[in-house]
PDB file of N, CA and C in Angstrom:
ATOM      1  N   MET A   1     191.958  88.678  63.880  1.00  0.00           N
ATOM      2  CA  MET A   1     192.240  89.759  64.805  1.00  0.00           C
ATOM      3  C   MET A   1     191.658  89.408  66.182  1.00  0.00           C
ATOM      4  N   PRO A   2     192.424  89.617  67.240  1.00  0.00           N
ATOM      5  CA  PRO A   2     191.914  89.270  68.568  1.00  0.00           C
ATOM      6  C   PRO A   2     190.792  90.218  69.011  1.00  0.00           C
ATOM      7  N   ARG A   3     189.946  89.689  69.887  1.00  0.00           N
ATOM      8  CA  ARG A   3     188.809  90.443  70.407  1.00  0.00           C
ATOM      9  C   ARG A   3     189.311  91.492  71.408  1.00  0.00           C
ATOM     10  N   SER A   4     188.833  92.710  71.248  1.00  0.00           N
ATOM     11  CA  SER A   4     189.221  93.783  72.167  1.00  0.00           C
ATOM     12  C   SER A   4     188.164  93.887  73.263  1.00  0.00           C
ATOM     13  N   VAL A   5     188.597  93.780  74.524  1.00  0.00           N
ATOM     14  CA  VAL A   5     187.629  93.789  75.618  1.00  0.00           C
ATOM     15  C   VAL A   5     187.802  94.971  76.569  1.00  0.00           C
ATOM     16  N   ASN A   6     188.843  95.735  76.408  1.00  0.00           N
ATOM     17  CA  ASN A   6     189.108  96.893  77.266  1.00  0.00           C
ATOM     18  C   ASN A   6     189.080  96.502  78.737  1.00  0.00           C
ATOM     19  N   SER A   7     189.947  95.598  79.102  1.00  0.00           N
ATOM     20  CA  SER A   7     189.966  95.079  80.462  1.00  0.00           C
ATOM     21  C   SER A   7     190.353  96.150  81.493  1.00  0.00           C
ATOM     22  N   VAL A   8     191.052  97.171  81.059  1.00  0.00           N
ATOM     23  CA  VAL A   8     191.436  98.238  81.977  1.00  0.00           C
ATOM     24  C   VAL A   8     190.182  98.945  82.505  1.00  0.00           C
ATOM     25  N   ALA A   9     189.278  99.276  81.597  1.00  0.00           N
ATOM     26  CA  ALA A   9     188.048  99.958  81.998  1.00  0.00           C
ATOM     27  C   ALA A   9     187.152  99.029  82.815  1.00  0.00           C
ATOM     28  N   SER A  10     187.090  97.754  82.423  1.00  0.00           N
ATOM     29  CA  SER A  10     186.253  96.789  83.152  1.00  0.00           C
ATOM     30  C   SER A  10     186.750  96.636  84.579  1.00  0.00           C
ATOM     31  N   ARG A  11     188.060  96.501  84.723  1.00  0.00           N
ATOM     32  CA  ARG A  11     188.643  96.333  86.058  1.00  0.00           C
ATOM     33  C   ARG A  11     188.413  97.590  86.913  1.00  0.00           C
ATOM     34  N   ALA A  12     188.531  98.755  86.285  1.00  0.00           N
ATOM     35  CA  ALA A  12     188.317 100.015  87.006  1.00  0.00           C
ATOM     36  C   ALA A  12     186.885 100.103  87.513  1.00  0.00           C
ATOM     37  N   ARG A  13     185.938  99.668  86.654  1.00  0.00           N
ATOM     38  CA  ARG A  13     184.528  99.680  87.050  1.00  0.00           C
ATOM     39  C   ARG A  13     184.295  98.770  88.252  1.00  0.00           C
ATOM     40  N   ARG A  14     184.898  97.587  88.202  1.00  0.00           N
ATOM     41  CA  ARG A  14     184.730  96.636  89.303  1.00  0.00           C
ATOM     42  C   ARG A  14     185.383  97.160  90.588  1.00  0.00           C
ATOM     43  N   LYS A  15     186.579  97.731  90.437  1.00  0.00           N
ATOM     44  CA  LYS A  15     187.288  98.236  91.620  1.00  0.00           C
ATOM     45  C   LYS A  15     186.501  99.346  92.304  1.00  0.00           C
ATOM     46  N   LYS A  16     185.839 100.167  91.495  1.00  0.00           N
ATOM     47  CA  LYS A  16     185.066 101.277  92.042  1.00  0.00           C
ATOM     48  C   LYS A  16     183.949 100.747  92.951  1.00  0.00           C
ATOM     49  N   ILE A  17     183.270  99.702  92.514  1.00  0.00           N
ATOM     50  CA  ILE A  17     182.184  99.136  93.324  1.00  0.00           C
ATOM     51  C   ILE A  17     182.739  98.363  94.504  1.00  0.00           C
ATOM     52  N   LEU A  18     183.819  97.607  94.306  1.00  0.00           N
ATOM     53  CA  LEU A  18     184.420  96.851  95.411  1.00  0.00           C
ATOM     54  C   LEU A  18     184.934  97.796  96.502  1.00  0.00           C
ATOM     55  N   LYS A  19     185.390  98.967  96.093  1.00  0.00           N
ATOM     56  CA  LYS A  19     185.839  99.952  97.080  1.00  0.00           C
ATOM     57  C   LYS A  19     184.657 100.430  97.932  1.00  0.00           C
ATOM     58  N   GLN A  20     183.497 100.571  97.308  1.00  0.00           N
ATOM     59  CA  GLN A  20     182.306 101.021  98.024  1.00  0.00           C
ATOM     60  C   GLN A  20     181.790  99.975  99.017  1.00  0.00           C
ATOM     61  N   THR A  21     182.068  98.701  98.746  1.00  0.00           N
ATOM     62  CA  THR A  21     181.542  97.645  99.610  1.00  0.00           C
ATOM     63  C   THR A  21     182.551  97.208 100.665  1.00  0.00           C
ATOM     64  N   ARG A  22     183.659  97.909 100.767  1.00  0.00           N
ATOM     65  CA  ARG A  22     184.627  97.584 101.817  1.00  0.00           C
ATOM     66  C   ARG A  22     183.960  97.712 103.177  1.00  0.00           C
ATOM     67  N   GLY A  23     184.258  96.815 104.081  1.00  0.00           N
ATOM     68  CA  GLY A  23     183.665  96.872 105.404  1.00  0.00           C
ATOM     69  C   GLY A  23     182.453  95.980 105.540  1.00  0.00           C
ATOM     70  N   ASN A  24     181.964  95.432 104.426  1.00  0.00           N
ATOM     71  CA  ASN A  24     180.858  94.484 104.505  1.00  0.00           C
ATOM     72  C   ASN A  24     181.364  93.135 104.984  1.00  0.00           C
ATOM     73  N   PHE A  25     180.443  92.259 105.323  1.00  0.00           N
ATOM     74  CA  PHE A  25     180.757  90.963 105.932  1.00  0.00           C
ATOM     75  C   PHE A  25     180.929  89.881 104.869  1.00  0.00           C
ATOM     76  N   LEU A  26     181.903  89.026 105.077  1.00  0.00           N
ATOM     77  CA  LEU A  26     182.160  87.842 104.234  1.00  0.00           C
ATOM     78  C   LEU A  26     182.284  88.207 102.761  1.00  0.00           C
ATOM     79  N   GLU A  27     181.551  87.476 101.901  1.00  0.00           N
ATOM     80  CA  GLU A  27     181.718  87.652 100.447  1.00  0.00           C
ATOM     81  C   GLU A  27     181.165  88.979  99.937  1.00  0.00           C
ATOM     82  N   ARG A  28     180.401  89.649 100.754  1.00  0.00           N
ATOM     83  CA  ARG A  28     179.770  90.888 100.303  1.00  0.00           C
ATOM     84  C   ARG A  28     180.797  91.973  99.982  1.00  0.00           C
ATOM     85  N   LYS A  29     182.035  91.799 100.437  1.00  0.00           N
ATOM     86  CA  LYS A  29     183.043  92.825 100.183  1.00  0.00           C
ATOM     87  C   LYS A  29     183.999  92.484  99.052  1.00  0.00           C
ATOM     88  N   ASN A  30     184.112  91.191  98.679  1.00  0.00           N
ATOM     89  CA  ASN A  30     185.162  90.877  97.700  1.00  0.00           C
ATOM     90  C   ASN A  30     184.751  89.952  96.560  1.00  0.00           C
ATOM     91  N   VAL A  31     183.574  89.371  96.597  1.00  0.00           N
ATOM     92  CA  VAL A  31     183.087  88.577  95.466  1.00  0.00           C
ATOM     93  C   VAL A  31     182.260  89.507  94.590  1.00  0.00           C
ATOM     94  N   TRP A  32     182.680  89.632  93.331  1.00  0.00           N
ATOM     95  CA  TRP A  32     182.139  90.668  92.466  1.00  0.00           C
ATOM     96  C   TRP A  32     180.618  90.657  92.385  1.00  0.00           C
ATOM     97  N   THR A  33     180.009  89.501  92.078  1.00  0.00           N
ATOM     98  CA  THR A  33     178.555  89.482  91.861  1.00  0.00           C
ATOM     99  C   THR A  33     177.806  89.791  93.164  1.00  0.00           C
ATOM    100  N   VAL A  34     178.284  89.259  94.267  1.00  0.00           N
ATOM    101  CA  VAL A  34     177.634  89.513  95.557  1.00  0.00           C
ATOM    102  C   VAL A  34     177.813  90.983  95.943  1.00  0.00           C
ATOM    103  N   ALA A  35     179.028  91.492  95.756  1.00  0.00           N
ATOM    104  CA  ALA A  35     179.315  92.882  96.100  1.00  0.00           C
ATOM    105  C   ALA A  35     178.478  93.846  95.259  1.00  0.00           C
ATOM    106  N   LYS A  36     178.315  93.531  93.988  1.00  0.00           N
ATOM    107  CA  LYS A  36     177.527  94.393  93.100  1.00  0.00           C
ATOM    108  C   LYS A  36     176.074  94.446  93.564  1.00  0.00           C
ATOM    109  N   ASN A  37     175.527  93.278  93.916  1.00  0.00           N
ATOM    110  CA  ASN A  37     174.143  93.232  94.399  1.00  0.00           C
ATOM    111  C   ASN A  37     173.995  93.999  95.710  1.00  0.00           C
ATOM    112  N   THR A  38     174.963  93.825  96.595  1.00  0.00           N
ATOM    113  CA  THR A  38     174.951  94.533  97.879  1.00  0.00           C
ATOM    114  C   THR A  38     174.978  96.041  97.662  1.00  0.00           C
ATOM    115  N   TYR A  39     175.859  96.461  96.767  1.00  0.00           N
ATOM    116  CA  TYR A  39     176.028  97.887  96.461  1.00  0.00           C
ATOM    117  C   TYR A  39     174.728  98.480  95.914  1.00  0.00           C
ATOM    118  N   GLU A  40     174.122  97.798  94.954  1.00  0.00           N
ATOM    119  CA  GLU A  40     172.895  98.311  94.342  1.00  0.00           C
ATOM    120  C   GLU A  40     171.752  98.356  95.351  1.00  0.00           C
ATOM    121  N   LYS A  41     171.666  97.320  96.187  1.00  0.00           N
ATOM    122  CA  LYS A  41     170.631  97.284  97.215  1.00  0.00           C
ATOM    123  C   LYS A  41     170.851  98.427  98.218  1.00  0.00           C
ATOM    124  N   GLY A  42     172.124  98.678  98.542  1.00  0.00           N
ATOM    125  CA  GLY A  42     172.453  99.766  99.455  1.00  0.00           C
ATOM    126  C   GLY A  42     172.039 101.111  98.910  1.00  0.00           C
ATOM    127  N   LEU A  43     172.231 101.319  97.607  1.00  0.00           N
ATOM    128  CA  LEU A  43     171.808 102.577  96.992  1.00  0.00           C
ATOM    129  C   LEU A  43     170.291 102.730  97.045  1.00  0.00           C
ATOM    130  N   THR A  44     169.588 101.616  96.866  1.00  0.00           N
ATOM    131  CA  THR A  44     168.130 101.639  96.944  1.00  0.00           C
ATOM    132  C   THR A  44     167.676 102.038  98.344  1.00  0.00           C
ATOM    133  N   TYR A  45     168.296 101.418  99.352  1.00  0.00           N
ATOM    134  CA  TYR A  45     167.957 101.753 100.735  1.00  0.00           C
ATOM    135  C   TYR A  45     168.279 103.220 101.035  1.00  0.00           C
ATOM    136  N   ALA A  46     169.411 103.686 100.539  1.00  0.00           N
ATOM    137  CA  ALA A  46     169.826 105.069 100.805  1.00  0.00           C
ATOM    138  C   ALA A  46     168.808 106.050 100.230  1.00  0.00           C
ATOM    139  N   TYR A  47     168.344 105.787  99.010  1.00  0.00           N
ATOM    140  CA  TYR A  47     167.364 106.657  98.366  1.00  0.00           C
ATOM    141  C   TYR A  47     166.059 106.650  99.156  1.00  0.00           C
ATOM    142  N   ARG A  48     165.597 105.440  99.497  1.00  0.00           N
ATOM    143  CA  ARG A  48     164.342 105.306 100.238  1.00  0.00           C
ATOM    144  C   ARG A  48     164.429 106.004 101.594  1.00  0.00           C
ATOM    145  N   ASP A  49     165.532 105.798 102.287  1.00  0.00           N
ATOM    146  CA  ASP A  49     165.634 106.284 103.651  1.00  0.00           C
ATOM    147  C   ASP A  49     165.925 107.776 103.741  1.00  0.00           C
ATOM    148  N   ARG A  50     166.394 108.379 102.653  1.00  0.00           N
ATOM    149  CA  ARG A  50     166.478 109.834 102.657  1.00  0.00           C
ATOM    150  C   ARG A  50     165.074 110.428 102.745  1.00  0.00           C
ATOM    151  N   LYS A  51     164.110 109.765 102.134  1.00  0.00           N
ATOM    152  CA  LYS A  51     162.712 110.205 102.232  1.00  0.00           C
ATOM    153  C   LYS A  51     162.157 109.902 103.628  1.00  0.00           C
ATOM    154  N   ASN A  52     162.452 108.698 104.140  1.00  0.00           N
ATOM    155  CA  ASN A  52     161.921 108.290 105.442  1.00  0.00           C
ATOM    156  C   ASN A  52     162.478 109.134 106.577  1.00  0.00           C
ATOM    157  N   LYS A  53     163.692 109.633 106.400  1.00  0.00           N
ATOM    158  CA  LYS A  53     164.323 110.457 107.430  1.00  0.00           C
ATOM    159  C   LYS A  53     163.496 111.718 107.689  1.00  0.00           C
ATOM    160  N   LYS A  54     162.991 112.312 106.631  1.00  0.00           N
ATOM    161  CA  LYS A  54     162.169 113.514 106.765  1.00  0.00           C
ATOM    162  C   LYS A  54     160.892 113.197 107.535  1.00  0.00           C
ATOM    163  N   ARG A  55     160.305 112.054 107.220  1.00  0.00           N
ATOM    164  CA  ARG A  55     159.086 111.596 107.884  1.00  0.00           C
ATOM    165  C   ARG A  55     159.331 111.371 109.379  1.00  0.00           C
ATOM    166  N   THR A  56     160.452 110.717 109.671  1.00  0.00           N
ATOM    167  CA  THR A  56     160.788 110.387 111.056  1.00  0.00           C
ATOM    168  C   THR A  56     161.029 111.647 111.882  1.00  0.00           C
ATOM    169  N   PHE A  57     161.761 112.588 111.311  1.00  0.00           N
ATOM    170  CA  PHE A  57     162.045 113.821 112.045  1.00  0.00           C
ATOM    171  C   PHE A  57     160.779 114.633 112.284  1.00  0.00           C
ATOM    172  N   ARG A  58     159.898 114.666 111.302  1.00  0.00           N
ATOM    173  CA  ARG A  58     158.630 115.389 111.492  1.00  0.00           C
ATOM    174  C   ARG A  58     157.849 114.786 112.654  1.00  0.00           C
ATOM    175  N   ALA A  59     157.810 113.462 112.725  1.00  0.00           N
ATOM    176  CA  ALA A  59     157.103 112.778 113.822  1.00  0.00           C
ATOM    177  C   ALA A  59     157.746 113.120 115.166  1.00  0.00           C
ATOM    178  N   LEU A  60     159.070 113.177 115.199  1.00  0.00           N
ATOM    179  CA  LEU A  60     159.781 113.530 116.433  1.00  0.00           C
ATOM    180  C   LEU A  60     159.444 114.951 116.868  1.00  0.00           C
ATOM    181  N   TRP A  61     159.450 115.884 115.901  1.00  0.00           N
ATOM    182  CA  TRP A  61     159.132 117.276 116.223  1.00  0.00           C
ATOM    183  C   TRP A  61     157.718 117.393 116.780  1.00  0.00           C
ATOM    184  N   ILE A  62     156.783 116.688 116.166  1.00  0.00           N
ATOM    185  CA  ILE A  62     155.387 116.746 116.611  1.00  0.00           C
ATOM    186  C   ILE A  62     155.276 116.210 118.037  1.00  0.00           C
ATOM    187  N   THR A  63     155.978 115.125 118.327  1.00  0.00           N
ATOM    188  CA  THR A  63     155.961 114.555 119.672  1.00  0.00           C
ATOM    189  C   THR A  63     156.494 115.549 120.692  1.00  0.00           C
ATOM    190  N   ARG A  64     157.573 116.212 120.359  1.00  0.00           N
ATOM    191  CA  ARG A  64     158.174 117.182 121.279  1.00  0.00           C
ATOM    192  C   ARG A  64     157.269 118.390 121.503  1.00  0.00           C
ATOM    193  N   ILE A  65     156.665 118.874 120.435  1.00  0.00           N
ATOM    194  CA  ILE A  65     155.763 120.027 120.554  1.00  0.00           C
ATOM    195  C   ILE A  65     154.557 119.644 121.409  1.00  0.00           C
ATOM    196  N   ASN A  66     154.026 118.455 121.172  1.00  0.00           N
ATOM    197  CA  ASN A  66     152.863 117.982 121.923  1.00  0.00           C
ATOM    198  C   ASN A  66     153.188 117.888 123.413  1.00  0.00           C
ATOM    199  N   ALA A  67     154.355 117.321 123.729  1.00  0.00           N
ATOM    200  CA  ALA A  67     154.744 117.172 125.132  1.00  0.00           C
ATOM    201  C   ALA A  67     154.881 118.540 125.802  1.00  0.00           C
ATOM    202  N   ALA A  68     155.488 119.488 125.109  1.00  0.00           N
ATOM    203  CA  ALA A  68     155.685 120.820 125.682  1.00  0.00           C
ATOM    204  C   ALA A  68     154.354 121.564 125.803  1.00  0.00           C
ATOM    205  N   ALA A  69     153.486 121.414 124.801  1.00  0.00           N
ATOM    206  CA  ALA A  69     152.191 122.108 124.835  1.00  0.00           C
ATOM    207  C   ALA A  69     151.324 121.560 125.965  1.00  0.00           C
ATOM    208  N   ARG A  70     151.381 120.275 126.211  1.00  0.00           N
ATOM    209  CA  ARG A  70     150.576 119.662 127.277  1.00  0.00           C
ATOM    210  C   ARG A  70     151.005 120.166 128.664  1.00  0.00           C
ATOM    211  N   GLN A  71     152.257 120.537 128.809  1.00  0.00           N
ATOM    212  CA  GLN A  71     152.706 121.095 130.084  1.00  0.00           C
ATOM    213  C   GLN A  71     152.040 122.431 130.378  1.00  0.00           C
ATOM    214  N   HIS A  72     151.530 123.060 129.313  1.00  0.00           N
ATOM    215  CA  HIS A  72     150.876 124.360 129.473  1.00  0.00           C
ATOM    216  C   HIS A  72     149.374 124.270 129.230  1.00  0.00           C
ATOM    217  N   GLY A  73     148.820 123.066 129.364  1.00  0.00           N
ATOM    218  CA  GLY A  73     147.373 122.889 129.296  1.00  0.00           C
ATOM    219  C   GLY A  73     146.765 122.908 127.917  1.00  0.00           C
ATOM    220  N   MET A  74     147.527 122.530 126.918  1.00  0.00           N
ATOM    221  CA  MET A  74     147.031 122.500 125.544  1.00  0.00           C
ATOM    222  C   MET A  74     147.540 121.233 124.892  1.00  0.00           C
ATOM    223  N   ASN A  75     146.811 120.708 123.930  1.00  0.00           N
ATOM    224  CA  ASN A  75     147.407 119.592 123.187  1.00  0.00           C
ATOM    225  C   ASN A  75     147.942 120.088 121.848  1.00  0.00           C
ATOM    226  N   TYR A  76     148.588 119.211 121.115  1.00  0.00           N
ATOM    227  CA  TYR A  76     149.250 119.592 119.862  1.00  0.00           C
ATOM    228  C   TYR A  76     148.256 120.175 118.865  1.00  0.00           C
ATOM    229  N   SER A  77     147.133 119.493 118.723  1.00  0.00           N
ATOM    230  CA  SER A  77     146.144 119.895 117.727  1.00  0.00           C
ATOM    231  C   SER A  77     145.618 121.308 118.007  1.00  0.00           C
ATOM    232  N   GLN A  78     145.263 121.567 119.248  1.00  0.00           N
ATOM    233  CA  GLN A  78     144.763 122.901 119.621  1.00  0.00           C
ATOM    234  C   GLN A  78     145.835 123.958 119.406  1.00  0.00           C
ATOM    235  N   PHE A  79     147.061 123.621 119.813  1.00  0.00           N
ATOM    236  CA  PHE A  79     148.178 124.564 119.703  1.00  0.00           C
ATOM    237  C   PHE A  79     148.435 124.942 118.247  1.00  0.00           C
ATOM    238  N   MET A  80     148.511 123.935 117.382  1.00  0.00           N
ATOM    239  CA  MET A  80     148.792 124.219 115.973  1.00  0.00           C
ATOM    240  C   MET A  80     147.631 124.965 115.318  1.00  0.00           C
ATOM    241  N   GLY A  81     146.410 124.648 115.732  1.00  0.00           N
ATOM    242  CA  GLY A  81     145.246 125.358 115.206  1.00  0.00           C
ATOM    243  C   GLY A  81     145.282 126.831 115.563  1.00  0.00           C
ATOM    244  N   LYS A  82     145.636 127.122 116.806  1.00  0.00           N
ATOM    245  CA  LYS A  82     145.700 128.516 117.244  1.00  0.00           C
ATOM    246  C   LYS A  82     146.870 129.259 116.601  1.00  0.00           C
ATOM    247  N   LEU A  83     147.973 128.544 116.373  1.00  0.00           N
ATOM    248  CA  LEU A  83     149.105 129.172 115.659  1.00  0.00           C
ATOM    249  C   LEU A  83     148.671 129.579 114.255  1.00  0.00           C
ATOM    250  N   ALA A  84     147.919 128.719 113.604  1.00  0.00           N
ATOM    251  CA  ALA A  84     147.445 129.019 112.246  1.00  0.00           C
ATOM    252  C   ALA A  84     146.488 130.206 112.254  1.00  0.00           C
ATOM    253  N   GLU A  85     145.603 130.253 113.258  1.00  0.00           N
ATOM    254  CA  GLU A  85     144.666 131.384 113.387  1.00  0.00           C
ATOM    255  C   GLU A  85     145.401 132.715 113.524  1.00  0.00           C
ATOM    256  N   LYS A  86     146.444 132.715 114.351  1.00  0.00           N
ATOM    257  CA  LYS A  86     147.193 133.946 114.642  1.00  0.00           C
ATOM    258  C   LYS A  86     148.271 134.246 113.600  1.00  0.00           C
ATOM    259  N   ASN A  87     148.375 133.397 112.580  1.00  0.00           N
ATOM    260  CA  ASN A  87     149.382 133.547 111.517  1.00  0.00           C
ATOM    261  C   ASN A  87     150.807 133.616 112.053  1.00  0.00           C
ATOM    262  N   VAL A  88     151.127 132.746 112.996  1.00  0.00           N
ATOM    263  CA  VAL A  88     152.501 132.655 113.501  1.00  0.00           C
ATOM    264  C   VAL A  88     153.268 131.772 112.525  1.00  0.00           C
ATOM    265  N   GLY A  89     154.313 132.319 111.950  1.00  0.00           N
ATOM    266  CA  GLY A  89     155.024 131.618 110.877  1.00  0.00           C
ATOM    267  C   GLY A  89     156.182 130.755 111.337  1.00  0.00           C
ATOM    268  N   LEU A  90     156.018 130.033 112.422  1.00  0.00           N
ATOM    269  CA  LEU A  90     157.086 129.144 112.889  1.00  0.00           C
ATOM    270  C   LEU A  90     156.774 127.712 112.466  1.00  0.00           C
ATOM    271  N   ASN A  91     157.772 127.051 111.912  1.00  0.00           N
ATOM    272  CA  ASN A  91     157.542 125.665 111.502  1.00  0.00           C
ATOM    273  C   ASN A  91     157.778 124.703 112.665  1.00  0.00           C
ATOM    274  N   ARG A  92     157.474 123.439 112.440  1.00  0.00           N
ATOM    275  CA  ARG A  92     157.555 122.439 113.501  1.00  0.00           C
ATOM    276  C   ARG A  92     158.982 122.221 113.992  1.00  0.00           C
ATOM    277  N   LYS A  93     159.931 122.338 113.091  1.00  0.00           N
ATOM    278  CA  LYS A  93     161.340 122.140 113.473  1.00  0.00           C
ATOM    279  C   LYS A  93     161.755 123.208 114.494  1.00  0.00           C
ATOM    280  N   VAL A  94     161.424 124.435 114.219  1.00  0.00           N
ATOM    281  CA  VAL A  94     161.784 125.548 115.110  1.00  0.00           C
ATOM    282  C   VAL A  94     161.024 125.437 116.429  1.00  0.00           C
ATOM    283  N   LEU A  95     159.735 125.118 116.352  1.00  0.00           N
ATOM    284  CA  LEU A  95     158.927 124.980 117.572  1.00  0.00           C
ATOM    285  C   LEU A  95     159.466 123.871 118.468  1.00  0.00           C
ATOM    286  N   ALA A  96     159.852 122.748 117.873  1.00  0.00           N
ATOM    287  CA  ALA A  96     160.393 121.633 118.654  1.00  0.00           C
ATOM    288  C   ALA A  96     161.718 122.024 119.297  1.00  0.00           C
ATOM    289  N   ASP A  97     162.534 122.768 118.559  1.00  0.00           N
ATOM    290  CA  ASP A  97     163.817 123.210 119.102  1.00  0.00           C
ATOM    291  C   ASP A  97     163.596 124.162 120.288  1.00  0.00           C
ATOM    292  N   LEU A  98     162.645 125.066 120.141  1.00  0.00           N
ATOM    293  CA  LEU A  98     162.327 125.981 121.251  1.00  0.00           C
ATOM    294  C   LEU A  98     161.795 125.206 122.456  1.00  0.00           C
ATOM    295  N   ALA A  99     160.947 124.234 122.195  1.00  0.00           N
ATOM    296  CA  ALA A  99     160.360 123.450 123.284  1.00  0.00           C
ATOM    297  C   ALA A  99     161.438 122.712 124.070  1.00  0.00           C
ATOM    298  N   MET A 100     162.458 122.226 123.379  1.00  0.00           N
ATOM    299  CA  MET A 100     163.522 121.467 124.036  1.00  0.00           C
ATOM    300  C   MET A 100     164.564 122.376 124.692  1.00  0.00           C
ATOM    301  N   ASN A 101     165.013 123.374 123.956  1.00  0.00           N
ATOM    302  CA  ASN A 101     166.191 124.145 124.378  1.00  0.00           C
ATOM    303  C   ASN A 101     165.888 125.504 124.991  1.00  0.00           C
ATOM    304  N   ASN A 102     164.676 125.995 124.781  1.00  0.00           N
ATOM    305  CA  ASN A 102     164.341 127.320 125.296  1.00  0.00           C
ATOM    306  C   ASN A 102     162.876 127.339 125.752  1.00  0.00           C
ATOM    307  N   PRO A 103     162.588 126.656 126.876  1.00  0.00           N
ATOM    308  CA  PRO A 103     161.195 126.532 127.316  1.00  0.00           C
ATOM    309  C   PRO A 103     160.503 127.860 127.603  1.00  0.00           C
ATOM    310  N   LYS A 104     161.262 128.869 128.022  1.00  0.00           N
ATOM    311  CA  LYS A 104     160.652 130.174 128.313  1.00  0.00           C
ATOM    312  C   LYS A 104     160.099 130.814 127.023  1.00  0.00           C
ATOM    313  N   ALA A 105     160.854 130.712 125.951  1.00  0.00           N
ATOM    314  CA  ALA A 105     160.391 131.253 124.667  1.00  0.00           C
ATOM    315  C   ALA A 105     159.165 130.489 124.182  1.00  0.00           C
ATOM    316  N   PHE A 106     159.171 129.179 124.370  1.00  0.00           N
ATOM    317  CA  PHE A 106     158.022 128.362 123.963  1.00  0.00           C
ATOM    318  C   PHE A 106     156.787 128.748 124.790  1.00  0.00           C
ATOM    319  N   GLU A 107     157.001 128.986 126.067  1.00  0.00           N
ATOM    320  CA  GLU A 107     155.902 129.407 126.943  1.00  0.00           C
ATOM    321  C   GLU A 107     155.332 130.738 126.483  1.00  0.00           C
ATOM    322  N   ALA A 108     156.216 131.642 126.045  1.00  0.00           N
ATOM    323  CA  ALA A 108     155.759 132.941 125.544  1.00  0.00           C
ATOM    324  C   ALA A 108     154.898 132.760 124.295  1.00  0.00           C
ATOM    325  N   ILE A 109     155.277 131.823 123.447  1.00  0.00           N
ATOM    326  CA  ILE A 109     154.479 131.559 122.235  1.00  0.00           C
ATOM    327  C   ILE A 109     153.103 131.011 122.636  1.00  0.00           C
ATOM    328  N   ILE A 110     153.093 130.102 123.588  1.00  0.00           N
ATOM    329  CA  ILE A 110     151.826 129.528 124.081  1.00  0.00           C
ATOM    330  C   ILE A 110     150.927 130.641 124.610  1.00  0.00           C
ATOM    331  N   LYS A 111     151.502 131.537 125.405  1.00  0.00           N
ATOM    332  CA  LYS A 111     150.700 132.631 125.984  1.00  0.00           C
ATOM    333  C   LYS A 111     150.181 133.573 124.893  1.00  0.00           C
ATOM    334  N   SER A 112     150.973 133.776 123.871  1.00  0.00           N
ATOM    335  CA  SER A 112     150.556 134.696 122.804  1.00  0.00           C
ATOM    336  C   SER A 112     149.400 134.132 121.977  1.00  0.00           C
ATOM    337  N   VAL A 113     149.258 132.817 121.908  1.00  0.00           N
ATOM    338  CA  VAL A 113     148.172 132.254 121.104  1.00  0.00           C
ATOM    339  C   VAL A 113     146.935 131.894 121.934  1.00  0.00           C
ATOM    340  N   LYS A 114     147.047 131.893 123.267  1.00  0.00           N
ATOM    341  CA  LYS A 114     145.895 131.557 124.119  1.00  0.00           C
ATOM    342  C   LYS A 114     144.859 132.656 124.108  1.00  0.00           C
TER     343      LYS A 114
END
């Protein structure tokens, strides 16, 4: 009896990964073993960088808040400390957005915690 290998399913599996690697350079898009390695490495980077993205944005928000607070004679550390004392429930994302897009509102927050 001949060996059954289910080539339809195998080919479908390969096509699925080759479709994901379209747009890559040279053999990375059409040589199965290279494409598979590229695909798996890409998934690893994607997982890692979803975590790093949060870290990067937090750093950006802190930089923006610090720059805006310094314009009003305070540094980031003092500003955040006073916000905590006064129980102001605004997170860094919102504070950074106010500092960039609505400086008058940010100034009002600064005055309320001074």
